[in-house]
Amino acid sequence: MAGTLDSPLPQPHAQPQVKLFAHGESRGKPALAAAGVVVQIAGLELVLGRPIAPARSGHGVSTSQASYLALLEGIDRCVALGAVVRQGPENLHITAHIDSLLVVNHFSGAEWCKNEDLGPLLKRLRARAARIGRFE
């Protein structure tokens, strides 16, 4: 449900529930990729999709990399929308939905991240999630 200009904003001290849906996909291994994000907060909904630039090597990115990048993009959008509804990142409660079991297992610690391309992305994800009041 999309919000309108007449939608009430949450109180500044309330911890709004934010739903984040993220998906990253690559056309090969590695290849051109894209990220899609939907963020729902305080009756507002933001939908965005964008291509992901090739890695520094000039090659594309893998689907796992694209999934990490989509989730990182989604967190950034949640924080930006939180500012719109007068909430700092420490006051947000984000529930993330992503179909990459690998990303979920890495983040939760259920699986060790051995891939040298994914390690820095996991580190960035954990750093951003640590700034959020509650991230699950």
N, C-alpha and C. Protein backbone atom coordinates (compact mmCIF):
# COMPACT_ATOMS: atom_id res chain seq x y z
N MET A 1 0.84 -1.16 0.00
CA MET A 1 0.00 0.00 0.00
C MET A 1 0.89 1.23 0.00
N ALA A 2 0.76 2.07 -0.99
CA ALA A 2 1.57 3.27 -1.10
C ALA A 2 0.97 4.38 -0.25
N GLY A 3 1.82 5.22 0.33
CA GLY A 3 1.35 6.32 1.15
C GLY A 3 0.97 7.52 0.31
N THR A 4 0.30 8.44 0.94
CA THR A 4 -0.06 9.69 0.28
C THR A 4 0.51 10.82 1.10
N LEU A 5 0.40 12.03 0.56
CA LEU A 5 0.89 13.18 1.30
C LEU A 5 0.11 13.40 2.59
N ASP A 6 -1.10 12.85 2.67
CA ASP A 6 -1.93 13.00 3.86
C ASP A 6 -1.66 11.91 4.90
N SER A 7 -0.81 10.92 4.58
CA SER A 7 -0.54 9.84 5.51
C SER A 7 0.14 10.38 6.76
N PRO A 8 -0.29 9.94 7.95
CA PRO A 8 0.37 10.42 9.17
C PRO A 8 1.76 9.83 9.29
N LEU A 9 2.68 10.61 9.79
CA LEU A 9 4.05 10.15 10.01
C LEU A 9 4.12 9.56 11.42
N PRO A 10 4.99 8.56 11.65
CA PRO A 10 5.09 8.01 12.99
C PRO A 10 5.69 9.05 13.94
N GLN A 11 5.43 8.86 15.22
CA GLN A 11 6.00 9.74 16.23
C GLN A 11 7.51 9.59 16.21
N PRO A 12 8.27 10.67 16.47
CA PRO A 12 9.72 10.61 16.41
C PRO A 12 10.35 9.54 17.30
N HIS A 13 9.71 9.20 18.43
CA HIS A 13 10.32 8.23 19.34
C HIS A 13 9.84 6.80 19.10
N ALA A 14 8.87 6.63 18.20
CA ALA A 14 8.41 5.28 17.86
C ALA A 14 9.46 4.60 16.99
N GLN A 15 9.55 3.29 17.09
CA GLN A 15 10.49 2.54 16.25
C GLN A 15 9.69 1.93 15.11
N PRO A 16 9.66 2.61 13.95
CA PRO A 16 8.81 2.11 12.87
C PRO A 16 9.32 0.79 12.31
N GLN A 17 8.37 -0.03 11.95
CA GLN A 17 8.68 -1.30 11.30
C GLN A 17 8.96 -1.00 9.83
N VAL A 18 10.10 -1.44 9.36
CA VAL A 18 10.49 -1.25 7.97
C VAL A 18 10.65 -2.63 7.35
N LYS A 19 9.99 -2.84 6.22
CA LYS A 19 10.15 -4.10 5.49
C LYS A 19 11.03 -3.82 4.27
N LEU A 20 12.04 -4.65 4.12
CA LEU A 20 12.97 -4.53 3.01
C LEU A 20 12.96 -5.83 2.22
N PHE A 21 12.69 -5.73 0.94
CA PHE A 21 12.74 -6.87 0.03
C PHE A 21 13.86 -6.59 -0.97
N ALA A 22 14.83 -7.48 -1.05
CA ALA A 22 15.97 -7.25 -1.94
C ALA A 22 16.23 -8.49 -2.78
N HIS A 23 16.63 -8.26 -4.03
CA HIS A 23 16.97 -9.36 -4.92
C HIS A 23 18.06 -8.90 -5.87
N GLY A 24 19.08 -9.72 -6.02
CA GLY A 24 20.14 -9.47 -6.98
C GLY A 24 20.25 -10.65 -7.92
N GLU A 25 20.54 -10.37 -9.16
CA GLU A 25 20.60 -11.46 -10.15
C GLU A 25 21.67 -11.15 -11.19
N SER A 26 22.35 -12.19 -11.64
CA SER A 26 23.35 -12.08 -12.68
C SER A 26 22.96 -13.00 -13.83
N ARG A 27 23.35 -12.63 -15.04
CA ARG A 27 23.00 -13.44 -16.21
C ARG A 27 24.01 -14.53 -16.48
N GLY A 28 25.01 -14.64 -15.67
CA GLY A 28 26.04 -15.66 -15.85
C GLY A 28 26.92 -15.70 -14.62
N LYS A 29 28.13 -16.22 -14.80
CA LYS A 29 29.01 -16.35 -13.64
C LYS A 29 30.42 -15.98 -14.03
N PRO A 30 30.87 -14.80 -13.89
CA PRO A 30 30.15 -13.54 -13.61
C PRO A 30 29.68 -12.90 -14.91
N ALA A 31 28.75 -11.97 -14.78
CA ALA A 31 28.20 -11.30 -15.96
C ALA A 31 27.53 -10.00 -15.53
N LEU A 32 26.80 -9.40 -16.46
CA LEU A 32 26.03 -8.22 -16.13
C LEU A 32 24.99 -8.60 -15.09
N ALA A 33 24.70 -7.68 -14.18
CA ALA A 33 23.79 -8.00 -13.09
C ALA A 33 22.90 -6.80 -12.79
N ALA A 34 21.88 -7.06 -11.97
CA ALA A 34 20.96 -6.00 -11.55
C ALA A 34 20.52 -6.25 -10.12
N ALA A 35 20.09 -5.17 -9.46
CA ALA A 35 19.57 -5.25 -8.10
C ALA A 35 18.18 -4.66 -8.07
N GLY A 36 17.29 -5.30 -7.34
CA GLY A 36 15.94 -4.79 -7.15
C GLY A 36 15.66 -4.67 -5.67
N VAL A 37 15.00 -3.58 -5.28
CA VAL A 37 14.73 -3.32 -3.87
C VAL A 37 13.32 -2.75 -3.73
N VAL A 38 12.59 -3.23 -2.71
CA VAL A 38 11.32 -2.64 -2.31
C VAL A 38 11.44 -2.35 -0.83
N VAL A 39 11.13 -1.10 -0.43
CA VAL A 39 11.17 -0.70 0.97
C VAL A 39 9.79 -0.19 1.34
N GLN A 40 9.25 -0.71 2.44
CA GLN A 40 7.95 -0.27 2.95
C GLN A 40 8.15 0.29 4.35
N ILE A 41 7.73 1.55 4.56
CA ILE A 41 7.85 2.20 5.85
C ILE A 41 6.74 3.23 6.00
N ALA A 42 6.08 3.23 7.14
CA ALA A 42 5.06 4.23 7.49
C ALA A 42 4.06 4.47 6.36
N GLY A 43 3.61 3.39 5.73
CA GLY A 43 2.63 3.53 4.66
C GLY A 43 3.21 3.97 3.33
N LEU A 44 4.51 4.19 3.28
CA LEU A 44 5.18 4.57 2.03
C LEU A 44 5.85 3.34 1.44
N GLU A 45 5.98 3.33 0.12
CA GLU A 45 6.64 2.22 -0.55
C GLU A 45 7.57 2.77 -1.62
N LEU A 46 8.81 2.33 -1.59
CA LEU A 46 9.80 2.72 -2.58
C LEU A 46 10.20 1.47 -3.35
N VAL A 47 10.13 1.53 -4.65
CA VAL A 47 10.52 0.42 -5.51
C VAL A 47 11.62 0.92 -6.43
N LEU A 48 12.73 0.20 -6.48
CA LEU A 48 13.78 0.61 -7.40
C LEU A 48 14.54 -0.58 -7.91
N GLY A 49 15.04 -0.44 -9.10
CA GLY A 49 15.87 -1.45 -9.72
C GLY A 49 16.96 -0.74 -10.50
N ARG A 50 18.12 -1.34 -10.54
CA ARG A 50 19.21 -0.71 -11.27
C ARG A 50 20.23 -1.75 -11.70
N PRO A 51 20.92 -1.45 -12.79
CA PRO A 51 22.01 -2.35 -13.18
C PRO A 51 23.18 -2.18 -12.22
N ILE A 52 23.96 -3.23 -12.10
CA ILE A 52 25.15 -3.18 -11.25
C ILE A 52 26.36 -3.09 -12.17
N ALA A 53 27.20 -2.12 -11.90
CA ALA A 53 28.40 -1.92 -12.73
C ALA A 53 29.33 -3.13 -12.60
N PRO A 54 30.05 -3.45 -13.65
CA PRO A 54 31.01 -4.57 -13.57
C PRO A 54 32.05 -4.32 -12.49
N ALA A 55 32.58 -5.40 -11.98
CA ALA A 55 33.63 -5.33 -10.96
C ALA A 55 34.86 -4.64 -11.53
N ARG A 56 35.77 -4.25 -10.64
CA ARG A 56 37.00 -3.54 -11.07
C ARG A 56 37.78 -4.30 -12.13
N SER A 57 37.68 -5.61 -12.11
CA SER A 57 38.42 -6.42 -13.07
C SER A 57 37.90 -6.25 -14.50
N GLY A 58 36.74 -5.58 -14.64
CA GLY A 58 36.15 -5.43 -15.97
C GLY A 58 35.17 -6.54 -16.27
N HIS A 59 35.18 -7.58 -15.45
CA HIS A 59 34.21 -8.66 -15.60
C HIS A 59 32.94 -8.29 -14.86
N GLY A 60 31.92 -9.06 -15.08
CA GLY A 60 30.67 -8.81 -14.38
C GLY A 60 30.74 -9.28 -12.94
N VAL A 61 29.59 -9.36 -12.31
CA VAL A 61 29.53 -9.84 -10.93
C VAL A 61 28.68 -11.11 -10.89
N SER A 62 28.87 -11.89 -9.84
CA SER A 62 28.09 -13.12 -9.68
C SER A 62 26.73 -12.79 -9.07
N THR A 63 25.84 -13.76 -9.10
CA THR A 63 24.52 -13.58 -8.48
C THR A 63 24.66 -13.36 -6.98
N SER A 64 25.60 -14.04 -6.34
CA SER A 64 25.81 -13.83 -4.90
C SER A 64 26.26 -12.40 -4.62
N GLN A 65 27.18 -11.88 -5.42
CA GLN A 65 27.60 -10.49 -5.26
C GLN A 65 26.42 -9.54 -5.49
N ALA A 66 25.63 -9.82 -6.51
CA ALA A 66 24.47 -8.98 -6.81
C ALA A 66 23.47 -9.00 -5.65
N SER A 67 23.31 -10.14 -5.00
CA SER A 67 22.41 -10.24 -3.85
C SER A 67 22.90 -9.39 -2.69
N TYR A 68 24.20 -9.46 -2.41
CA TYR A 68 24.78 -8.62 -1.36
C TYR A 68 24.58 -7.13 -1.70
N LEU A 69 24.87 -6.77 -2.94
CA LEU A 69 24.75 -5.36 -3.34
C LEU A 69 23.31 -4.87 -3.28
N ALA A 70 22.35 -5.73 -3.60
CA ALA A 70 20.94 -5.36 -3.50
C ALA A 70 20.57 -5.10 -2.04
N LEU A 71 21.03 -5.96 -1.13
CA LEU A 71 20.72 -5.79 0.29
C LEU A 71 21.38 -4.52 0.84
N LEU A 72 22.61 -4.26 0.45
CA LEU A 72 23.29 -3.02 0.88
C LEU A 72 22.54 -1.79 0.37
N GLU A 73 22.12 -1.82 -0.87
CA GLU A 73 21.34 -0.72 -1.45
C GLU A 73 20.04 -0.54 -0.68
N GLY A 74 19.40 -1.65 -0.35
CA GLY A 74 18.15 -1.59 0.39
C GLY A 74 18.32 -0.97 1.77
N ILE A 75 19.38 -1.32 2.48
CA ILE A 75 19.63 -0.73 3.79
C ILE A 75 19.83 0.77 3.66
N ASP A 76 20.59 1.19 2.66
CA ASP A 76 20.80 2.63 2.44
C ASP A 76 19.47 3.34 2.19
N ARG A 77 18.60 2.72 1.41
CA ARG A 77 17.28 3.32 1.12
C ARG A 77 16.42 3.36 2.37
N CYS A 78 16.50 2.32 3.21
CA CYS A 78 15.74 2.32 4.47
C CYS A 78 16.18 3.48 5.36
N VAL A 79 17.47 3.69 5.45
CA VAL A 79 18.00 4.78 6.28
C VAL A 79 17.55 6.12 5.70
N ALA A 80 17.60 6.27 4.38
CA ALA A 80 17.16 7.52 3.75
C ALA A 80 15.68 7.76 3.99
N LEU A 81 14.85 6.73 3.85
CA LEU A 81 13.42 6.89 4.11
C LEU A 81 13.16 7.12 5.59
N GLY A 82 13.95 6.52 6.45
CA GLY A 82 13.82 6.76 7.89
C GLY A 82 14.02 8.22 8.21
N ALA A 83 14.96 8.87 7.52
CA ALA A 83 15.18 10.30 7.73
C ALA A 83 13.96 11.11 7.29
N VAL A 84 13.28 10.65 6.24
CA VAL A 84 12.09 11.34 5.75
C VAL A 84 11.00 11.32 6.82
N VAL A 85 10.89 10.20 7.54
CA VAL A 85 9.87 10.10 8.59
C VAL A 85 10.46 10.42 9.97
N ARG A 86 11.52 11.20 9.95
CA ARG A 86 12.13 11.74 11.17
C ARG A 86 12.70 10.67 12.10
N GLN A 87 13.35 9.68 11.54
CA GLN A 87 13.96 8.62 12.34
C GLN A 87 15.42 8.45 11.94
N GLY A 88 16.30 8.38 12.92
CA GLY A 88 17.69 8.06 12.67
C GLY A 88 17.83 6.55 12.52
N PRO A 89 18.95 6.07 11.96
CA PRO A 89 19.12 4.63 11.76
C PRO A 89 19.01 3.83 13.06
N GLU A 90 19.44 4.44 14.19
CA GLU A 90 19.41 3.73 15.46
C GLU A 90 17.98 3.49 15.96
N ASN A 91 17.00 4.16 15.35
CA ASN A 91 15.60 3.99 15.74
C ASN A 91 14.80 3.12 14.78
N LEU A 92 15.44 2.60 13.76
CA LEU A 92 14.73 1.78 12.77
C LEU A 92 14.71 0.30 13.16
N HIS A 93 13.65 -0.37 12.83
CA HIS A 93 13.52 -1.82 12.97
C HIS A 93 13.29 -2.36 11.56
N ILE A 94 14.33 -2.92 10.97
CA ILE A 94 14.26 -3.40 9.59
C ILE A 94 14.16 -4.92 9.56
N THR A 95 13.15 -5.41 8.87
CA THR A 95 13.03 -6.84 8.60
C THR A 95 13.34 -7.03 7.12
N ALA A 96 14.46 -7.70 6.86
CA ALA A 96 14.91 -7.89 5.48
C ALA A 96 14.45 -9.24 4.95
N HIS A 97 14.02 -9.25 3.71
CA HIS A 97 13.63 -10.47 3.02
C HIS A 97 14.50 -10.58 1.77
N ILE A 98 15.24 -11.68 1.68
CA ILE A 98 16.11 -11.91 0.52
C ILE A 98 16.10 -13.39 0.22
N ASP A 99 16.13 -13.74 -1.06
CA ASP A 99 16.03 -15.16 -1.42
C ASP A 99 17.38 -15.86 -1.52
N SER A 100 18.46 -15.18 -1.12
CA SER A 100 19.78 -15.80 -1.18
C SER A 100 20.11 -16.44 0.17
N LEU A 101 20.00 -17.75 0.23
CA LEU A 101 20.32 -18.47 1.46
C LEU A 101 21.79 -18.28 1.82
N LEU A 102 22.64 -18.15 0.82
CA LEU A 102 24.07 -17.94 1.06
C LEU A 102 24.29 -16.65 1.84
N VAL A 103 23.66 -15.55 1.43
CA VAL A 103 23.80 -14.27 2.12
C VAL A 103 23.26 -14.39 3.55
N VAL A 104 22.10 -15.03 3.71
CA VAL A 104 21.52 -15.21 5.04
C VAL A 104 22.46 -16.02 5.93
N ASN A 105 23.00 -17.12 5.41
CA ASN A 105 23.90 -17.96 6.20
C ASN A 105 25.20 -17.26 6.54
N HIS A 106 25.73 -16.48 5.62
CA HIS A 106 26.95 -15.72 5.92
C HIS A 106 26.68 -14.70 7.03
N PHE A 107 25.60 -13.94 6.87
CA PHE A 107 25.29 -12.88 7.82
C PHE A 107 25.02 -13.44 9.22
N SER A 108 24.30 -14.55 9.28
CA SER A 108 23.94 -15.13 10.58
C SER A 108 25.10 -15.89 11.22
N GLY A 109 26.13 -16.19 10.43
CA GLY A 109 27.26 -16.96 10.94
C GLY A 109 27.06 -18.46 10.81
N ALA A 110 25.97 -18.89 10.20
CA ALA A 110 25.71 -20.32 10.02
C ALA A 110 26.68 -20.94 9.02
N GLU A 111 27.25 -20.11 8.16
CA GLU A 111 28.20 -20.59 7.16
C GLU A 111 29.36 -19.61 7.08
N TRP A 112 30.57 -20.14 7.00
CA TRP A 112 31.77 -19.31 6.90
C TRP A 112 31.89 -18.77 5.48
N CYS A 113 32.21 -17.49 5.34
CA CYS A 113 32.38 -16.87 4.03
C CYS A 113 33.82 -17.10 3.56
N LYS A 114 33.99 -17.97 2.59
CA LYS A 114 35.33 -18.31 2.09
C LYS A 114 35.69 -17.59 0.80
N ASN A 115 34.70 -17.00 0.15
CA ASN A 115 34.89 -16.37 -1.14
C ASN A 115 35.52 -14.98 -0.96
N GLU A 116 36.65 -14.75 -1.61
CA GLU A 116 37.35 -13.46 -1.43
C GLU A 116 36.59 -12.28 -2.04
N ASP A 117 35.68 -12.52 -2.96
CA ASP A 117 34.86 -11.44 -3.51
C ASP A 117 33.69 -11.10 -2.60
N LEU A 118 33.22 -12.05 -1.81
CA LEU A 118 32.06 -11.83 -0.94
C LEU A 118 32.46 -11.32 0.44
N GLY A 119 33.65 -11.63 0.88
CA GLY A 119 34.11 -11.22 2.21
C GLY A 119 33.98 -9.72 2.47
N PRO A 120 34.47 -8.86 1.57
CA PRO A 120 34.32 -7.42 1.80
C PRO A 120 32.86 -6.97 1.80
N LEU A 121 32.02 -7.63 1.00
CA LEU A 121 30.60 -7.28 0.98
C LEU A 121 29.93 -7.67 2.30
N LEU A 122 30.30 -8.82 2.85
CA LEU A 122 29.77 -9.24 4.14
C LEU A 122 30.20 -8.26 5.23
N LYS A 123 31.44 -7.82 5.18
CA LYS A 123 31.94 -6.86 6.17
C LYS A 123 31.14 -5.55 6.08
N ARG A 124 30.89 -5.07 4.87
CA ARG A 124 30.08 -3.85 4.69
C ARG A 124 28.66 -4.05 5.19
N LEU A 125 28.08 -5.22 4.91
CA LEU A 125 26.72 -5.51 5.36
C LEU A 125 26.64 -5.50 6.88
N ARG A 126 27.58 -6.16 7.54
CA ARG A 126 27.57 -6.19 9.01
C ARG A 126 27.77 -4.80 9.61
N ALA A 127 28.62 -3.99 8.99
CA ALA A 127 28.85 -2.63 9.50
C ALA A 127 27.58 -1.78 9.37
N ARG A 128 26.91 -1.89 8.24
CA ARG A 128 25.67 -1.11 8.06
C ARG A 128 24.57 -1.60 8.98
N ALA A 129 24.44 -2.90 9.13
CA ALA A 129 23.40 -3.46 10.00
C ALA A 129 23.64 -3.08 11.45
N ALA A 130 24.90 -2.93 11.84
CA ALA A 130 25.23 -2.57 13.23
C ALA A 130 24.73 -1.16 13.58
N ARG A 131 24.56 -0.30 12.59
CA ARG A 131 24.07 1.07 12.84
C ARG A 131 22.56 1.12 13.00
N ILE A 132 21.88 0.03 12.62
CA ILE A 132 20.41 -0.02 12.66
C ILE A 132 19.97 -0.44 14.05
N GLY A 133 18.90 0.16 14.57
CA GLY A 133 18.39 -0.21 15.88
C GLY A 133 18.12 -1.70 16.01
N ARG A 134 17.42 -2.25 15.05
CA ARG A 134 17.14 -3.70 15.01
C ARG A 134 17.11 -4.12 13.56
N PHE A 135 17.90 -5.13 13.23
CA PHE A 135 17.99 -5.63 11.85
C PHE A 135 17.87 -7.14 11.89
N GLU A 136 16.90 -7.65 11.16
CA GLU A 136 16.72 -9.11 11.12
C GLU A 136 16.33 -9.55 9.73
